[in-house]
Amino acid sequence: MNNNEADGDASNEGQKAEAMFTLKKWNTVAMWSWDVECDTCAICRVQVMDACLRCQGENKQDECVVIWGECNHSFHNCCMSLWVKQNNRCPLCQQEWSVHRIGI
């Protein structure tokens, strides 16, 4: 092998080391979710982000808020209000119901 052949091999290796593509734009995607174990109201079976069936029928979608228990289960406040009158336990885990927070 002569000196010119060695130089040719070295230049080929240099070309192979160049990037095959250049990243010009980077798009990111983010997702979020409620910090709850279940995002469906176990009483009316509607997602807690939507109004419950009773509020949908009475056009009270804006008044239908979510209530979280100490057990971290969430329900529609109007559904849970009726439930608690009959049984003061969480419908999912049967712990004694105690309100952690109410809100959207």
N, C-alpha and C. Protein backbone atom coordinates (compact mmCIF):
# COMPACT_ATOMS: atom_id res chain seq x y z
N MET A 1 0.85 -1.15 0.00
CA MET A 1 0.00 0.00 0.00
C MET A 1 0.90 1.23 0.00
N ASN A 2 0.60 2.16 -0.90
CA ASN A 2 1.45 3.34 -0.96
C ASN A 2 0.84 4.47 -0.13
N ASN A 3 1.54 5.58 -0.08
CA ASN A 3 1.16 6.71 0.75
C ASN A 3 -0.14 7.35 0.28
N ASN A 4 -0.39 7.41 -1.05
CA ASN A 4 -1.62 8.01 -1.57
C ASN A 4 -2.85 7.19 -1.17
N GLU A 5 -2.72 5.85 -1.17
CA GLU A 5 -3.83 5.01 -0.78
C GLU A 5 -4.18 5.23 0.70
N ALA A 6 -3.16 5.38 1.53
CA ALA A 6 -3.39 5.61 2.96
C ALA A 6 -4.11 6.93 3.17
N ASP A 7 -3.72 7.97 2.41
CA ASP A 7 -4.38 9.26 2.53
C ASP A 7 -5.84 9.15 2.09
N GLY A 8 -6.12 8.37 1.05
CA GLY A 8 -7.49 8.21 0.57
C GLY A 8 -8.36 7.52 1.62
N ASP A 9 -7.82 6.51 2.28
CA ASP A 9 -8.58 5.83 3.33
C ASP A 9 -8.87 6.77 4.50
N ALA A 10 -7.93 7.59 4.86
CA ALA A 10 -8.11 8.52 5.97
C ALA A 10 -9.19 9.55 5.62
N SER A 11 -9.22 10.03 4.37
CA SER A 11 -10.22 11.02 4.00
C SER A 11 -11.61 10.40 3.95
N ASN A 12 -11.74 9.12 3.56
CA ASN A 12 -13.02 8.43 3.57
C ASN A 12 -13.55 8.29 5.00
N GLU A 13 -12.67 8.00 5.92
CA GLU A 13 -13.08 7.88 7.32
C GLU A 13 -13.58 9.22 7.85
N GLY A 14 -12.95 10.30 7.43
CA GLY A 14 -13.36 11.64 7.85
C GLY A 14 -14.75 11.97 7.32
N GLN A 15 -15.06 11.53 6.11
CA GLN A 15 -16.37 11.78 5.53
C GLN A 15 -17.45 10.96 6.24
N LYS A 16 -17.11 9.75 6.64
CA LYS A 16 -18.07 8.91 7.34
C LYS A 16 -18.41 9.47 8.72
N ALA A 17 -17.48 10.20 9.33
CA ALA A 17 -17.68 10.74 10.66
C ALA A 17 -18.64 11.94 10.64
N GLU A 18 -18.89 12.54 9.47
CA GLU A 18 -19.81 13.66 9.39
C GLU A 18 -21.23 13.19 9.69
N ALA A 19 -22.03 14.09 10.19
CA ALA A 19 -23.41 13.75 10.53
C ALA A 19 -24.20 13.39 9.28
N MET A 20 -25.04 12.36 9.41
CA MET A 20 -25.88 11.94 8.30
C MET A 20 -27.04 12.92 8.11
N PHE A 21 -27.47 13.59 9.18
CA PHE A 21 -28.55 14.56 9.09
C PHE A 21 -28.33 15.62 10.15
N THR A 22 -29.00 16.74 9.98
CA THR A 22 -28.91 17.83 10.94
C THR A 22 -30.30 18.11 11.50
N LEU A 23 -30.39 18.15 12.79
CA LEU A 23 -31.66 18.43 13.46
C LEU A 23 -31.91 19.93 13.38
N LYS A 24 -32.99 20.31 12.70
CA LYS A 24 -33.28 21.73 12.52
C LYS A 24 -34.43 22.21 13.39
N LYS A 25 -35.32 21.33 13.76
CA LYS A 25 -36.48 21.73 14.54
C LYS A 25 -36.83 20.62 15.52
N TRP A 26 -37.26 20.99 16.71
CA TRP A 26 -37.61 20.02 17.75
C TRP A 26 -38.96 20.39 18.32
N ASN A 27 -39.94 19.52 18.20
CA ASN A 27 -41.28 19.75 18.77
C ASN A 27 -41.47 18.82 19.95
N THR A 28 -41.99 19.36 21.03
CA THR A 28 -42.27 18.53 22.21
C THR A 28 -43.77 18.39 22.40
N VAL A 29 -44.16 17.33 23.02
CA VAL A 29 -45.56 17.08 23.32
C VAL A 29 -45.67 16.80 24.81
N ALA A 30 -46.67 17.39 25.43
CA ALA A 30 -46.89 17.18 26.87
C ALA A 30 -48.30 16.68 27.09
N MET A 31 -48.47 15.87 28.11
CA MET A 31 -49.79 15.38 28.48
C MET A 31 -49.99 15.63 29.96
N TRP A 32 -51.23 15.79 30.37
CA TRP A 32 -51.52 15.96 31.78
C TRP A 32 -52.73 15.11 32.13
N SER A 33 -52.90 14.88 33.40
CA SER A 33 -54.06 14.15 33.87
C SER A 33 -54.32 14.56 35.32
N TRP A 34 -55.52 14.29 35.79
CA TRP A 34 -55.87 14.56 37.18
C TRP A 34 -55.03 13.68 38.08
N ASP A 35 -54.70 14.19 39.25
CA ASP A 35 -53.94 13.41 40.23
C ASP A 35 -54.93 12.61 41.08
N VAL A 36 -55.63 11.71 40.42
CA VAL A 36 -56.62 10.88 41.09
C VAL A 36 -56.45 9.45 40.61
N GLU A 37 -56.96 8.52 41.39
CA GLU A 37 -56.86 7.12 41.01
C GLU A 37 -57.82 6.76 39.90
N CYS A 38 -58.97 7.43 39.84
CA CYS A 38 -59.98 7.11 38.84
C CYS A 38 -60.60 8.42 38.36
N ASP A 39 -60.66 8.63 37.05
CA ASP A 39 -61.20 9.89 36.53
C ASP A 39 -62.66 9.78 36.12
N THR A 40 -63.33 8.72 36.52
CA THR A 40 -64.76 8.54 36.25
C THR A 40 -65.52 8.50 37.57
N CYS A 41 -66.61 9.22 37.63
CA CYS A 41 -67.45 9.21 38.83
C CYS A 41 -68.06 7.81 38.95
N ALA A 42 -67.78 7.14 40.04
CA ALA A 42 -68.27 5.77 40.23
C ALA A 42 -69.77 5.73 40.48
N ILE A 43 -70.39 6.86 40.75
CA ILE A 43 -71.82 6.89 41.04
C ILE A 43 -72.63 7.00 39.75
N CYS A 44 -72.28 7.97 38.88
CA CYS A 44 -73.05 8.16 37.65
C CYS A 44 -72.33 7.63 36.41
N ARG A 45 -71.07 7.21 36.56
CA ARG A 45 -70.27 6.63 35.46
C ARG A 45 -69.97 7.63 34.33
N VAL A 46 -69.89 8.91 34.65
CA VAL A 46 -69.51 9.95 33.70
C VAL A 46 -68.16 10.49 34.15
N GLN A 47 -67.29 10.88 33.21
CA GLN A 47 -65.99 11.42 33.60
C GLN A 47 -66.18 12.65 34.47
N VAL A 48 -65.32 12.79 35.47
CA VAL A 48 -65.46 13.90 36.42
C VAL A 48 -65.22 15.25 35.77
N MET A 49 -64.54 15.29 34.64
CA MET A 49 -64.31 16.56 33.95
C MET A 49 -65.59 17.05 33.26
N ASP A 50 -66.54 16.16 33.01
CA ASP A 50 -67.81 16.52 32.40
C ASP A 50 -68.87 16.64 33.50
N ALA A 51 -69.97 17.29 33.18
CA ALA A 51 -71.07 17.39 34.13
C ALA A 51 -71.74 16.03 34.30
N CYS A 52 -72.28 15.78 35.48
CA CYS A 52 -72.97 14.52 35.73
C CYS A 52 -74.27 14.47 34.94
N LEU A 53 -74.89 13.33 34.90
CA LEU A 53 -76.12 13.16 34.12
C LEU A 53 -77.24 14.08 34.60
N ARG A 54 -77.37 14.25 35.91
CA ARG A 54 -78.42 15.11 36.45
C ARG A 54 -78.20 16.56 36.01
N CYS A 55 -76.98 17.05 36.12
CA CYS A 55 -76.69 18.44 35.73
C CYS A 55 -76.78 18.63 34.22
N GLN A 56 -76.44 17.62 33.45
CA GLN A 56 -76.59 17.72 32.00
C GLN A 56 -78.05 17.88 31.63
N GLY A 57 -78.94 17.14 32.29
CA GLY A 57 -80.37 17.19 32.00
C GLY A 57 -81.02 18.50 32.42
N GLU A 58 -80.46 19.12 33.47
CA GLU A 58 -81.03 20.37 33.99
C GLU A 58 -80.28 21.60 33.49
N ASN A 59 -79.38 21.43 32.54
CA ASN A 59 -78.55 22.53 32.00
C ASN A 59 -77.79 23.28 33.10
N LYS A 60 -77.18 22.53 33.99
CA LYS A 60 -76.38 23.12 35.08
C LYS A 60 -74.93 22.68 34.96
N GLN A 61 -74.40 22.57 33.74
CA GLN A 61 -73.05 22.08 33.53
C GLN A 61 -72.01 22.91 34.28
N ASP A 62 -72.22 24.22 34.38
CA ASP A 62 -71.25 25.08 35.04
C ASP A 62 -71.24 24.90 36.56
N GLU A 63 -72.33 24.42 37.11
CA GLU A 63 -72.44 24.26 38.56
C GLU A 63 -71.92 22.90 39.04
N CYS A 64 -71.69 21.98 38.14
CA CYS A 64 -71.27 20.63 38.50
C CYS A 64 -69.76 20.62 38.75
N VAL A 65 -69.37 20.52 40.02
CA VAL A 65 -67.96 20.54 40.39
C VAL A 65 -67.53 19.17 40.92
N VAL A 66 -66.24 19.00 41.02
CA VAL A 66 -65.65 17.74 41.48
C VAL A 66 -65.35 17.84 42.97
N ILE A 67 -65.51 16.73 43.66
CA ILE A 67 -65.16 16.65 45.07
C ILE A 67 -64.18 15.50 45.26
N TRP A 68 -63.11 15.76 46.01
CA TRP A 68 -62.11 14.73 46.29
C TRP A 68 -62.20 14.34 47.75
N GLY A 69 -62.08 13.07 48.01
CA GLY A 69 -62.06 12.58 49.38
C GLY A 69 -60.63 12.44 49.88
N GLU A 70 -60.49 12.21 51.17
CA GLU A 70 -59.16 11.97 51.75
C GLU A 70 -58.50 10.73 51.13
N CYS A 71 -59.32 9.84 50.60
CA CYS A 71 -58.81 8.62 49.97
C CYS A 71 -58.32 8.86 48.55
N ASN A 72 -58.43 10.11 48.06
CA ASN A 72 -58.00 10.53 46.72
C ASN A 72 -58.94 10.05 45.62
N HIS A 73 -60.13 9.60 45.95
CA HIS A 73 -61.12 9.28 44.94
C HIS A 73 -61.94 10.54 44.66
N SER A 74 -62.36 10.70 43.41
CA SER A 74 -63.11 11.90 43.04
C SER A 74 -64.47 11.53 42.46
N PHE A 75 -65.43 12.41 42.69
CA PHE A 75 -66.80 12.22 42.24
C PHE A 75 -67.38 13.59 41.91
N HIS A 76 -68.53 13.61 41.26
CA HIS A 76 -69.26 14.86 41.12
C HIS A 76 -69.83 15.20 42.49
N ASN A 77 -69.79 16.47 42.85
CA ASN A 77 -70.26 16.87 44.17
C ASN A 77 -71.74 16.55 44.36
N CYS A 78 -72.56 16.79 43.32
CA CYS A 78 -74.00 16.51 43.46
C CYS A 78 -74.26 15.01 43.59
N CYS A 79 -73.48 14.17 42.91
CA CYS A 79 -73.64 12.72 43.04
C CYS A 79 -73.26 12.27 44.46
N MET A 80 -72.13 12.80 44.94
CA MET A 80 -71.65 12.39 46.26
C MET A 80 -72.56 12.91 47.37
N SER A 81 -73.17 14.07 47.18
CA SER A 81 -74.09 14.62 48.19
C SER A 81 -75.25 13.65 48.44
N LEU A 82 -75.80 13.11 47.36
CA LEU A 82 -76.89 12.15 47.49
C LEU A 82 -76.40 10.83 48.08
N TRP A 83 -75.21 10.41 47.69
CA TRP A 83 -74.65 9.15 48.18
C TRP A 83 -74.44 9.21 49.69
N VAL A 84 -73.88 10.30 50.17
CA VAL A 84 -73.53 10.44 51.59
C VAL A 84 -74.78 10.42 52.47
N LYS A 85 -75.92 10.85 51.94
CA LYS A 85 -77.16 10.79 52.72
C LYS A 85 -77.54 9.35 53.06
N GLN A 86 -77.18 8.41 52.19
CA GLN A 86 -77.51 7.00 52.41
C GLN A 86 -76.36 6.22 53.05
N ASN A 87 -75.13 6.59 52.70
CA ASN A 87 -73.97 5.82 53.16
C ASN A 87 -72.78 6.77 53.25
N ASN A 88 -72.22 6.94 54.42
CA ASN A 88 -71.11 7.87 54.61
C ASN A 88 -69.75 7.22 54.34
N ARG A 89 -69.68 6.41 53.31
CA ARG A 89 -68.43 5.76 52.92
C ARG A 89 -68.14 6.00 51.45
N CYS A 90 -66.87 5.97 51.09
CA CYS A 90 -66.47 6.14 49.69
C CYS A 90 -67.02 4.96 48.89
N PRO A 91 -67.66 5.22 47.74
CA PRO A 91 -68.22 4.12 46.94
C PRO A 91 -67.16 3.16 46.39
N LEU A 92 -65.91 3.60 46.31
CA LEU A 92 -64.87 2.75 45.73
C LEU A 92 -64.07 1.96 46.76
N CYS A 93 -63.66 2.61 47.84
CA CYS A 93 -62.77 1.92 48.79
C CYS A 93 -63.44 1.65 50.14
N GLN A 94 -64.64 2.16 50.35
CA GLN A 94 -65.42 1.95 51.58
C GLN A 94 -64.80 2.58 52.83
N GLN A 95 -63.84 3.49 52.65
CA GLN A 95 -63.34 4.24 53.80
C GLN A 95 -64.39 5.26 54.20
N GLU A 96 -64.39 5.65 55.47
CA GLU A 96 -65.33 6.67 55.90
C GLU A 96 -65.07 7.93 55.07
N TRP A 97 -66.15 8.51 54.53
CA TRP A 97 -66.01 9.65 53.62
C TRP A 97 -65.66 10.91 54.39
N SER A 98 -64.60 11.53 53.95
CA SER A 98 -64.17 12.81 54.50
C SER A 98 -63.65 13.64 53.34
N VAL A 99 -64.16 14.85 53.21
CA VAL A 99 -63.84 15.71 52.07
C VAL A 99 -62.42 16.26 52.19
N HIS A 100 -61.67 16.11 51.13
CA HIS A 100 -60.32 16.70 51.07
C HIS A 100 -60.38 18.07 50.42
N ARG A 101 -61.09 18.17 49.28
CA ARG A 101 -61.26 19.47 48.63
C ARG A 101 -62.41 19.42 47.63
N ILE A 102 -62.94 20.58 47.34
CA ILE A 102 -64.02 20.73 46.37
C ILE A 102 -63.58 21.76 45.35
N GLY A 103 -63.79 21.49 44.12
CA GLY A 103 -63.43 22.46 43.09
C GLY A 103 -63.42 21.84 41.71
N ILE A 104 -63.09 22.68 40.74
CA ILE A 104 -63.07 22.23 39.34
C ILE A 104 -61.77 21.52 39.06
